[in-house]
Amino acid sequence: MGNLATPEALIARWHEVLEDPSLRDLPYKIELNAWGKVEMSPASNRHGRLQGELAAELKRQLGGSVVTECSILTRIGIRVPDVAWVSSNFIANYAEITPYQRAPEICVEIVSPSNVAAEIAEKTQAYLAAGADEVWIVAEDGTIRYFGAEGEMVQSAFPARVCLPPRAK
């Protein structure tokens, strides 16, 4: 097994990926694993709807800024939560550096059928280790689980109460 890529190598590789014309306009979310290899995940329209609804609610209820497909340097590579909420203080400190070298305050993963529980748990821990205050895990039915440094929480510590739409019939 090869060595893990250094943070500097991951950042350089991420910039290569951003400039690669063959990776533009793919219907997939792209991330880099800890070795700098590209991983792609397909997203459904349900996934996209939940992402949009969640982004709108976070912006409406918390202000600040919302970043969709937010790239973050973590201990498991450059990971891209579906939605991230950032305070104006975060933006003042980190602007729009790509990738962020510290996780935003709230990182949200919307679980896709291709995800496995261990992968989601690993991402949750990676975002928290990178500085996120909370990680929200959204199931396809719209239910939300909240995680902080102490583990799973009953609700978010942020003053946001999000109710996502059920699956359209």
N, C-alpha and C. Protein backbone atom coordinates (compact mmCIF):
# COMPACT_ATOMS: atom_id res chain seq x y z
N MET A 1 0.83 -1.17 0.00
CA MET A 1 0.00 0.00 0.00
C MET A 1 0.87 1.23 0.00
N GLY A 2 0.51 2.24 -0.77
CA GLY A 2 1.30 3.45 -0.87
C GLY A 2 1.09 4.37 0.31
N ASN A 3 1.93 5.38 0.38
CA ASN A 3 1.82 6.37 1.44
C ASN A 3 0.67 7.33 1.15
N LEU A 4 0.11 7.87 2.22
CA LEU A 4 -0.92 8.88 2.08
C LEU A 4 -0.30 10.14 1.50
N ALA A 5 -1.07 10.88 0.73
CA ALA A 5 -0.59 12.13 0.17
C ALA A 5 -0.49 13.17 1.28
N THR A 6 0.46 14.06 1.16
CA THR A 6 0.58 15.16 2.12
C THR A 6 -0.54 16.16 1.86
N PRO A 7 -0.87 16.99 2.84
CA PRO A 7 -1.87 18.03 2.59
C PRO A 7 -1.52 18.91 1.40
N GLU A 8 -0.24 19.24 1.26
CA GLU A 8 0.19 20.08 0.13
C GLU A 8 -0.03 19.36 -1.20
N ALA A 9 0.26 18.07 -1.24
CA ALA A 9 0.06 17.29 -2.47
C ALA A 9 -1.43 17.17 -2.79
N LEU A 10 -2.27 17.00 -1.77
CA LEU A 10 -3.71 16.93 -2.01
C LEU A 10 -4.25 18.24 -2.56
N ILE A 11 -3.78 19.34 -2.01
CA ILE A 11 -4.23 20.65 -2.50
C ILE A 11 -3.79 20.85 -3.94
N ALA A 12 -2.54 20.52 -4.26
CA ALA A 12 -2.05 20.64 -5.64
C ALA A 12 -2.85 19.74 -6.58
N ARG A 13 -3.12 18.51 -6.14
CA ARG A 13 -3.91 17.58 -6.96
C ARG A 13 -5.32 18.10 -7.16
N TRP A 14 -5.92 18.70 -6.12
CA TRP A 14 -7.27 19.25 -6.24
C TRP A 14 -7.30 20.34 -7.31
N HIS A 15 -6.28 21.19 -7.35
CA HIS A 15 -6.23 22.24 -8.36
C HIS A 15 -6.08 21.64 -9.77
N GLU A 16 -5.35 20.54 -9.89
CA GLU A 16 -5.27 19.83 -11.18
C GLU A 16 -6.64 19.33 -11.60
N VAL A 17 -7.37 18.75 -10.65
CA VAL A 17 -8.70 18.23 -10.94
C VAL A 17 -9.63 19.35 -11.39
N LEU A 18 -9.55 20.50 -10.72
CA LEU A 18 -10.39 21.64 -11.08
C LEU A 18 -10.12 22.14 -12.50
N GLU A 19 -8.87 22.01 -12.94
CA GLU A 19 -8.48 22.49 -14.27
C GLU A 19 -8.64 21.45 -15.38
N ASP A 20 -8.92 20.22 -15.03
CA ASP A 20 -9.00 19.13 -16.00
C ASP A 20 -10.30 19.23 -16.82
N PRO A 21 -10.22 19.55 -18.11
CA PRO A 21 -11.44 19.71 -18.91
C PRO A 21 -12.25 18.42 -19.04
N SER A 22 -11.62 17.26 -18.91
CA SER A 22 -12.37 16.01 -19.04
C SER A 22 -13.26 15.74 -17.83
N LEU A 23 -13.04 16.46 -16.73
CA LEU A 23 -13.84 16.25 -15.52
C LEU A 23 -14.93 17.31 -15.35
N ARG A 24 -15.01 18.23 -16.29
CA ARG A 24 -16.05 19.27 -16.22
C ARG A 24 -17.37 18.71 -16.69
N ASP A 25 -18.43 19.22 -16.14
CA ASP A 25 -19.80 18.88 -16.56
C ASP A 25 -20.15 17.41 -16.36
N LEU A 26 -19.49 16.74 -15.44
CA LEU A 26 -19.88 15.37 -15.12
C LEU A 26 -21.07 15.41 -14.18
N PRO A 27 -21.98 14.46 -14.30
CA PRO A 27 -23.12 14.44 -13.38
C PRO A 27 -22.78 13.74 -12.07
N TYR A 28 -21.57 13.97 -11.56
CA TYR A 28 -21.08 13.31 -10.36
C TYR A 28 -20.43 14.33 -9.44
N LYS A 29 -20.47 14.03 -8.16
CA LYS A 29 -19.69 14.79 -7.19
C LYS A 29 -18.30 14.17 -7.20
N ILE A 30 -17.27 15.01 -7.24
CA ILE A 30 -15.89 14.53 -7.26
C ILE A 30 -15.23 14.86 -5.93
N GLU A 31 -14.48 13.88 -5.40
CA GLU A 31 -13.69 14.06 -4.19
C GLU A 31 -12.34 13.40 -4.43
N LEU A 32 -11.37 13.71 -3.56
CA LEU A 32 -10.08 13.02 -3.59
C LEU A 32 -9.94 12.22 -2.32
N ASN A 33 -9.47 10.98 -2.44
CA ASN A 33 -9.25 10.19 -1.23
C ASN A 33 -7.88 10.56 -0.65
N ALA A 34 -7.50 9.91 0.42
CA ALA A 34 -6.27 10.26 1.13
C ALA A 34 -5.01 10.02 0.31
N TRP A 35 -5.10 9.28 -0.77
CA TRP A 35 -3.96 9.02 -1.66
C TRP A 35 -3.96 9.95 -2.86
N GLY A 36 -4.97 10.84 -2.95
CA GLY A 36 -5.04 11.78 -4.06
C GLY A 36 -5.75 11.24 -5.29
N LYS A 37 -6.43 10.11 -5.15
CA LYS A 37 -7.17 9.53 -6.27
C LYS A 37 -8.59 10.09 -6.32
N VAL A 38 -9.07 10.31 -7.53
CA VAL A 38 -10.41 10.85 -7.73
C VAL A 38 -11.46 9.79 -7.43
N GLU A 39 -12.48 10.19 -6.67
CA GLU A 39 -13.64 9.35 -6.42
C GLU A 39 -14.86 10.13 -6.91
N MET A 40 -15.78 9.44 -7.58
CA MET A 40 -16.98 10.09 -8.09
C MET A 40 -18.21 9.38 -7.56
N SER A 41 -19.24 10.18 -7.23
CA SER A 41 -20.50 9.63 -6.75
C SER A 41 -21.65 10.24 -7.54
N PRO A 42 -22.53 9.40 -8.10
CA PRO A 42 -23.68 9.94 -8.81
C PRO A 42 -24.72 10.49 -7.83
N ALA A 43 -25.46 11.49 -8.27
CA ALA A 43 -26.50 12.09 -7.43
C ALA A 43 -27.84 12.03 -8.16
N SER A 44 -28.90 11.73 -7.42
CA SER A 44 -30.24 11.67 -7.99
C SER A 44 -30.91 13.05 -7.91
N ASN A 45 -32.03 13.21 -8.58
CA ASN A 45 -32.79 14.45 -8.48
C ASN A 45 -33.31 14.65 -7.06
N ARG A 46 -33.65 13.57 -6.36
CA ARG A 46 -34.07 13.68 -4.96
C ARG A 46 -32.93 14.27 -4.13
N HIS A 47 -31.74 13.78 -4.36
CA HIS A 47 -30.55 14.29 -3.68
C HIS A 47 -30.40 15.79 -3.94
N GLY A 48 -30.53 16.19 -5.19
CA GLY A 48 -30.42 17.60 -5.56
C GLY A 48 -31.50 18.46 -4.93
N ARG A 49 -32.72 17.92 -4.86
CA ARG A 49 -33.82 18.67 -4.25
C ARG A 49 -33.54 18.89 -2.76
N LEU A 50 -33.13 17.84 -2.06
CA LEU A 50 -32.82 17.99 -0.65
C LEU A 50 -31.68 18.99 -0.43
N GLN A 51 -30.70 18.93 -1.29
CA GLN A 51 -29.57 19.85 -1.21
C GLN A 51 -30.05 21.30 -1.35
N GLY A 52 -30.89 21.56 -2.34
CA GLY A 52 -31.39 22.92 -2.56
C GLY A 52 -32.27 23.40 -1.42
N GLU A 53 -33.17 22.55 -0.95
CA GLU A 53 -34.06 22.91 0.16
C GLU A 53 -33.27 23.22 1.42
N LEU A 54 -32.30 22.38 1.71
CA LEU A 54 -31.48 22.56 2.91
C LEU A 54 -30.66 23.85 2.83
N ALA A 55 -30.06 24.10 1.68
CA ALA A 55 -29.28 25.32 1.51
C ALA A 55 -30.16 26.56 1.71
N ALA A 56 -31.35 26.56 1.15
CA ALA A 56 -32.26 27.70 1.28
C ALA A 56 -32.65 27.92 2.74
N GLU A 57 -32.96 26.83 3.45
CA GLU A 57 -33.37 26.95 4.86
C GLU A 57 -32.23 27.43 5.75
N LEU A 58 -31.03 26.91 5.53
CA LEU A 58 -29.89 27.36 6.33
C LEU A 58 -29.64 28.85 6.12
N LYS A 59 -29.68 29.29 4.89
CA LYS A 59 -29.47 30.70 4.58
C LYS A 59 -30.57 31.56 5.22
N ARG A 60 -31.81 31.12 5.09
CA ARG A 60 -32.95 31.88 5.63
C ARG A 60 -32.88 31.96 7.15
N GLN A 61 -32.57 30.85 7.80
CA GLN A 61 -32.62 30.81 9.25
C GLN A 61 -31.36 31.31 9.95
N LEU A 62 -30.21 31.10 9.34
CA LEU A 62 -28.95 31.44 10.01
C LEU A 62 -28.22 32.63 9.41
N GLY A 63 -28.63 33.07 8.22
CA GLY A 63 -27.87 34.14 7.56
C GLY A 63 -26.56 33.58 7.07
N GLY A 64 -25.49 34.34 7.23
CA GLY A 64 -24.18 33.85 6.78
C GLY A 64 -24.20 33.50 5.31
N SER A 65 -23.48 32.46 4.95
CA SER A 65 -23.41 32.00 3.56
C SER A 65 -23.57 30.49 3.53
N VAL A 66 -24.04 30.01 2.41
CA VAL A 66 -24.15 28.58 2.17
C VAL A 66 -23.28 28.24 0.98
N VAL A 67 -22.52 27.17 1.11
CA VAL A 67 -21.67 26.71 0.02
C VAL A 67 -22.12 25.29 -0.32
N THR A 68 -22.54 25.06 -1.55
CA THR A 68 -22.84 23.70 -1.98
C THR A 68 -21.60 23.15 -2.65
N GLU A 69 -21.40 21.84 -2.51
CA GLU A 69 -20.21 21.19 -3.07
C GLU A 69 -18.95 21.90 -2.58
N CYS A 70 -18.83 22.03 -1.28
CA CYS A 70 -17.75 22.77 -0.62
C CYS A 70 -16.54 21.86 -0.42
N SER A 71 -15.40 22.20 -1.02
CA SER A 71 -14.21 21.35 -0.89
C SER A 71 -13.44 21.68 0.39
N ILE A 72 -13.11 20.60 1.14
CA ILE A 72 -12.45 20.75 2.43
C ILE A 72 -11.30 19.74 2.53
N LEU A 73 -10.13 20.21 2.92
CA LEU A 73 -9.00 19.32 3.19
C LEU A 73 -9.25 18.64 4.52
N THR A 74 -9.31 17.31 4.52
CA THR A 74 -9.52 16.54 5.75
C THR A 74 -8.42 15.49 5.85
N ARG A 75 -8.41 14.77 6.95
CA ARG A 75 -7.42 13.70 7.14
C ARG A 75 -7.66 12.52 6.20
N ILE A 76 -8.83 12.46 5.56
CA ILE A 76 -9.12 11.37 4.62
C ILE A 76 -9.17 11.86 3.18
N GLY A 77 -8.57 13.01 2.93
CA GLY A 77 -8.53 13.54 1.58
C GLY A 77 -9.33 14.83 1.47
N ILE A 78 -9.56 15.25 0.24
CA ILE A 78 -10.40 16.43 0.03
C ILE A 78 -11.81 15.92 -0.15
N ARG A 79 -12.63 16.26 0.81
CA ARG A 79 -14.02 15.80 0.83
C ARG A 79 -14.93 16.98 0.56
N VAL A 80 -16.09 16.66 0.02
CA VAL A 80 -17.01 17.69 -0.46
C VAL A 80 -18.40 17.44 0.11
N PRO A 81 -18.71 18.04 1.27
CA PRO A 81 -20.06 17.89 1.78
C PRO A 81 -21.05 18.52 0.79
N ASP A 82 -22.26 17.99 0.77
CA ASP A 82 -23.27 18.49 -0.17
C ASP A 82 -23.63 19.94 0.11
N VAL A 83 -23.69 20.30 1.37
CA VAL A 83 -24.01 21.66 1.78
C VAL A 83 -23.13 22.00 2.97
N ALA A 84 -22.66 23.23 3.01
CA ALA A 84 -21.93 23.73 4.18
C ALA A 84 -22.46 25.11 4.51
N TRP A 85 -22.63 25.36 5.80
CA TRP A 85 -23.02 26.70 6.25
C TRP A 85 -21.81 27.35 6.87
N VAL A 86 -21.54 28.60 6.48
CA VAL A 86 -20.40 29.34 6.99
C VAL A 86 -20.87 30.69 7.52
N SER A 87 -20.34 31.07 8.65
CA SER A 87 -20.66 32.37 9.22
C SER A 87 -19.90 33.46 8.48
N SER A 88 -20.31 34.70 8.69
CA SER A 88 -19.58 35.81 8.07
C SER A 88 -18.16 35.87 8.64
N ASN A 89 -17.97 35.45 9.88
CA ASN A 89 -16.63 35.40 10.47
C ASN A 89 -15.75 34.39 9.74
N PHE A 90 -16.33 33.22 9.40
CA PHE A 90 -15.58 32.21 8.65
C PHE A 90 -15.13 32.78 7.30
N ILE A 91 -16.06 33.44 6.60
CA ILE A 91 -15.73 34.04 5.29
C ILE A 91 -14.65 35.11 5.46
N ALA A 92 -14.74 35.90 6.52
CA ALA A 92 -13.73 36.94 6.75
C ALA A 92 -12.34 36.31 6.95
N ASN A 93 -12.30 35.15 7.60
CA ASN A 93 -11.02 34.50 7.87
C ASN A 93 -10.50 33.66 6.71
N TYR A 94 -11.40 33.01 5.97
CA TYR A 94 -10.96 32.04 4.95
C TYR A 94 -11.38 32.39 3.54
N ALA A 95 -12.19 33.43 3.38
CA ALA A 95 -12.66 33.88 2.06
C ALA A 95 -13.18 32.70 1.25
N GLU A 96 -12.66 32.53 0.05
CA GLU A 96 -13.10 31.43 -0.82
C GLU A 96 -11.93 30.57 -1.26
N ILE A 97 -10.94 30.43 -0.39
CA ILE A 97 -9.80 29.58 -0.70
C ILE A 97 -10.31 28.18 -1.07
N THR A 98 -9.69 27.58 -2.05
CA THR A 98 -10.11 26.26 -2.51
C THR A 98 -8.92 25.32 -2.49
N PRO A 99 -9.03 24.23 -1.76
CA PRO A 99 -10.08 23.84 -0.83
C PRO A 99 -9.91 24.56 0.50
N TYR A 100 -10.99 24.61 1.29
CA TYR A 100 -10.85 25.12 2.65
C TYR A 100 -9.94 24.19 3.42
N GLN A 101 -9.06 24.77 4.21
CA GLN A 101 -8.17 23.96 5.03
C GLN A 101 -8.67 23.82 6.46
N ARG A 102 -9.87 24.34 6.69
CA ARG A 102 -10.61 24.17 7.94
C ARG A 102 -12.06 23.97 7.51
N ALA A 103 -12.75 23.08 8.19
CA ALA A 103 -14.14 22.82 7.83
C ALA A 103 -15.04 23.97 8.28
N PRO A 104 -16.06 24.29 7.48
CA PRO A 104 -17.06 25.27 7.91
C PRO A 104 -17.80 24.78 9.17
N GLU A 105 -18.56 25.68 9.77
CA GLU A 105 -19.24 25.38 11.02
C GLU A 105 -20.21 24.20 10.90
N ILE A 106 -21.00 24.16 9.82
CA ILE A 106 -21.93 23.05 9.61
C ILE A 106 -21.61 22.40 8.27
N CYS A 107 -21.37 21.10 8.28
CA CYS A 107 -21.16 20.32 7.06
C CYS A 107 -22.31 19.32 6.95
N VAL A 108 -22.93 19.24 5.79
CA VAL A 108 -24.09 18.36 5.60
C VAL A 108 -23.80 17.35 4.51
N GLU A 109 -24.01 16.10 4.83
CA GLU A 109 -23.94 15.01 3.84
C GLU A 109 -25.34 14.48 3.64
N ILE A 110 -25.76 14.39 2.39
CA ILE A 110 -27.03 13.77 2.04
C ILE A 110 -26.69 12.36 1.58
N VAL A 111 -27.22 11.38 2.28
CA VAL A 111 -26.88 9.99 2.01
C VAL A 111 -27.50 9.54 0.70
N SER A 112 -26.68 8.96 -0.14
CA SER A 112 -27.11 8.40 -1.42
C SER A 112 -27.15 6.89 -1.31
N PRO A 113 -27.89 6.23 -2.21
CA PRO A 113 -27.91 4.76 -2.17
C PRO A 113 -26.52 4.14 -2.31
N SER A 114 -25.58 4.85 -2.95
CA SER A 114 -24.24 4.31 -3.14
C SER A 114 -23.37 4.43 -1.88
N ASN A 115 -23.81 5.21 -0.87
CA ASN A 115 -23.04 5.36 0.36
C ASN A 115 -23.24 4.16 1.28
N VAL A 116 -22.19 3.84 2.02
CA VAL A 116 -22.30 2.82 3.07
C VAL A 116 -22.12 3.53 4.41
N ALA A 117 -22.66 2.94 5.46
CA ALA A 117 -22.64 3.57 6.78
C ALA A 117 -21.23 3.91 7.25
N ALA A 118 -20.27 3.03 7.01
CA ALA A 118 -18.89 3.27 7.44
C ALA A 118 -18.30 4.50 6.75
N GLU A 119 -18.63 4.70 5.49
CA GLU A 119 -18.15 5.86 4.74
C GLU A 119 -18.70 7.15 5.34
N ILE A 120 -19.99 7.17 5.65
CA ILE A 120 -20.62 8.35 6.22
C ILE A 120 -20.04 8.63 7.61
N ALA A 121 -19.84 7.60 8.40
CA ALA A 121 -19.24 7.78 9.73
C ALA A 121 -17.82 8.34 9.62
N GLU A 122 -17.06 7.84 8.65
CA GLU A 122 -15.69 8.33 8.45
C GLU A 122 -15.69 9.80 8.04
N LYS A 123 -16.59 10.18 7.12
CA LYS A 123 -16.69 11.58 6.71
C LYS A 123 -17.11 12.47 7.88
N THR A 124 -18.07 12.00 8.66
CA THR A 124 -18.52 12.76 9.83
C THR A 124 -17.34 13.07 10.74
N GLN A 125 -16.56 12.07 11.08
CA GLN A 125 -15.40 12.25 11.95
C GLN A 125 -14.35 13.15 11.31
N ALA A 126 -14.16 13.02 10.00
CA ALA A 126 -13.17 13.84 9.30
C ALA A 126 -13.56 15.31 9.31
N TYR A 127 -14.84 15.62 9.09
CA TYR A 127 -15.28 17.02 9.11
C TYR A 127 -15.14 17.60 10.52
N LEU A 128 -15.51 16.82 11.53
CA LEU A 128 -15.38 17.30 12.91
C LEU A 128 -13.90 17.52 13.25
N ALA A 129 -13.03 16.60 12.86
CA ALA A 129 -11.59 16.75 13.12
C ALA A 129 -11.00 17.94 12.39
N ALA A 130 -11.61 18.31 11.25
CA ALA A 130 -11.13 19.45 10.47
C ALA A 130 -11.69 20.78 10.97
N GLY A 131 -12.51 20.73 12.03
CA GLY A 131 -12.99 21.97 12.64
C GLY A 131 -14.47 22.24 12.57
N ALA A 132 -15.26 21.39 11.94
CA ALA A 132 -16.71 21.62 11.89
C ALA A 132 -17.28 21.57 13.30
N ASP A 133 -18.23 22.45 13.58
CA ASP A 133 -18.93 22.40 14.86
C ASP A 133 -19.95 21.27 14.85
N GLU A 134 -20.60 21.09 13.70
CA GLU A 134 -21.62 20.05 13.56
C GLU A 134 -21.55 19.43 12.17
N VAL A 135 -21.98 18.18 12.11
CA VAL A 135 -22.18 17.49 10.84
C VAL A 135 -23.61 16.98 10.86
N TRP A 136 -24.35 17.30 9.80
CA TRP A 136 -25.72 16.85 9.67
C TRP A 136 -25.74 15.75 8.61
N ILE A 137 -26.38 14.65 8.91
CA ILE A 137 -26.53 13.55 7.97
C ILE A 137 -28.01 13.48 7.60
N VAL A 138 -28.29 13.64 6.31
CA VAL A 138 -29.66 13.67 5.82
C VAL A 138 -29.95 12.39 5.05
N ALA A 139 -30.99 11.68 5.47
CA ALA A 139 -31.43 10.47 4.76
C ALA A 139 -32.31 10.88 3.58
N GLU A 140 -32.47 9.97 2.63
CA GLU A 140 -33.29 10.28 1.45
C GLU A 140 -34.75 10.57 1.79
N ASP A 141 -35.21 10.11 2.95
CA ASP A 141 -36.59 10.42 3.35
C ASP A 141 -36.70 11.80 3.98
N GLY A 142 -35.56 12.50 4.13
CA GLY A 142 -35.56 13.86 4.65
C GLY A 142 -35.27 13.97 6.14
N THR A 143 -35.12 12.85 6.83
CA THR A 143 -34.78 12.93 8.25
C THR A 143 -33.32 13.34 8.42
N ILE A 144 -33.06 14.05 9.50
CA ILE A 144 -31.73 14.60 9.74
C ILE A 144 -31.20 14.09 11.09
N ARG A 145 -29.94 13.65 11.08
CA ARG A 145 -29.23 13.30 12.31
C ARG A 145 -28.12 14.33 12.49
N TYR A 146 -27.88 14.73 13.73
CA TYR A 146 -26.94 15.79 14.05
C TYR A 146 -25.79 15.22 14.87
N PHE A 147 -24.56 15.60 14.52
CA PHE A 147 -23.38 15.12 15.23
C PHE A 147 -22.47 16.29 15.58
N GLY A 148 -21.93 16.25 16.81
CA GLY A 148 -20.96 17.23 17.27
C GLY A 148 -19.77 16.50 17.85
N ALA A 149 -18.88 17.23 18.47
CA ALA A 149 -17.67 16.64 19.03
C ALA A 149 -17.97 15.54 20.05
N GLU A 150 -19.09 15.64 20.74
CA GLU A 150 -19.46 14.66 21.76
C GLU A 150 -20.27 13.49 21.21
N GLY A 151 -20.53 13.49 19.91
CA GLY A 151 -21.32 12.41 19.31
C GLY A 151 -22.66 12.90 18.80
N GLU A 152 -23.61 11.97 18.67
CA GLU A 152 -24.92 12.32 18.12
C GLU A 152 -25.71 13.18 19.11
N MET A 153 -26.43 14.16 18.55
CA MET A 153 -27.23 15.09 19.34
C MET A 153 -28.70 14.95 18.93
N VAL A 154 -29.59 15.33 19.82
CA VAL A 154 -31.02 15.27 19.53
C VAL A 154 -31.40 16.31 18.48
N GLN A 155 -30.79 17.49 18.58
CA GLN A 155 -31.03 18.55 17.59
C GLN A 155 -29.77 19.40 17.48
N SER A 156 -29.76 20.25 16.49
CA SER A 156 -28.62 21.14 16.29
C SER A 156 -28.52 22.15 17.42
N ALA A 157 -27.31 22.53 17.76
CA ALA A 157 -27.08 23.61 18.71
C ALA A 157 -27.26 24.97 18.04
N PHE A 158 -27.29 25.00 16.72
CA PHE A 158 -27.54 26.23 15.99
C PHE A 158 -29.04 26.51 15.98
N PRO A 159 -29.45 27.76 15.91
CA PRO A 159 -30.89 28.08 15.94
C PRO A 159 -31.56 27.85 14.58
N ALA A 160 -31.45 26.65 14.08
CA ALA A 160 -32.08 26.29 12.81
C ALA A 160 -32.91 25.03 13.02
N ARG A 161 -34.14 25.04 12.59
CA ARG A 161 -35.02 23.88 12.66
C ARG A 161 -35.53 23.62 11.24
N VAL A 162 -34.94 22.62 10.62
CA VAL A 162 -35.22 22.35 9.21
C VAL A 162 -36.15 21.15 9.08
N CYS A 163 -37.19 21.32 8.30
CA CYS A 163 -38.12 20.24 7.98
C CYS A 163 -38.08 20.06 6.45
N LEU A 164 -37.55 18.95 6.01
CA LEU A 164 -37.38 18.70 4.58
C LEU A 164 -38.61 18.02 4.01
N PRO A 165 -38.88 18.25 2.72
CA PRO A 165 -40.08 17.67 2.10
C PRO A 165 -39.96 16.15 1.94
N PRO A 166 -41.09 15.47 2.06
CA PRO A 166 -41.07 14.02 1.80
C PRO A 166 -40.83 13.76 0.33
N ARG A 167 -40.52 12.54 0.01
CA ARG A 167 -40.31 12.16 -1.38
C ARG A 167 -41.59 12.40 -2.17
N ALA A 168 -41.47 13.03 -3.34
CA ALA A 168 -42.64 13.29 -4.19
C ALA A 168 -43.13 11.97 -4.78
N LYS A 169 -44.40 11.86 -4.92
CA LYS A 169 -44.98 10.60 -5.44
C LYS A 169 -45.26 10.72 -6.91
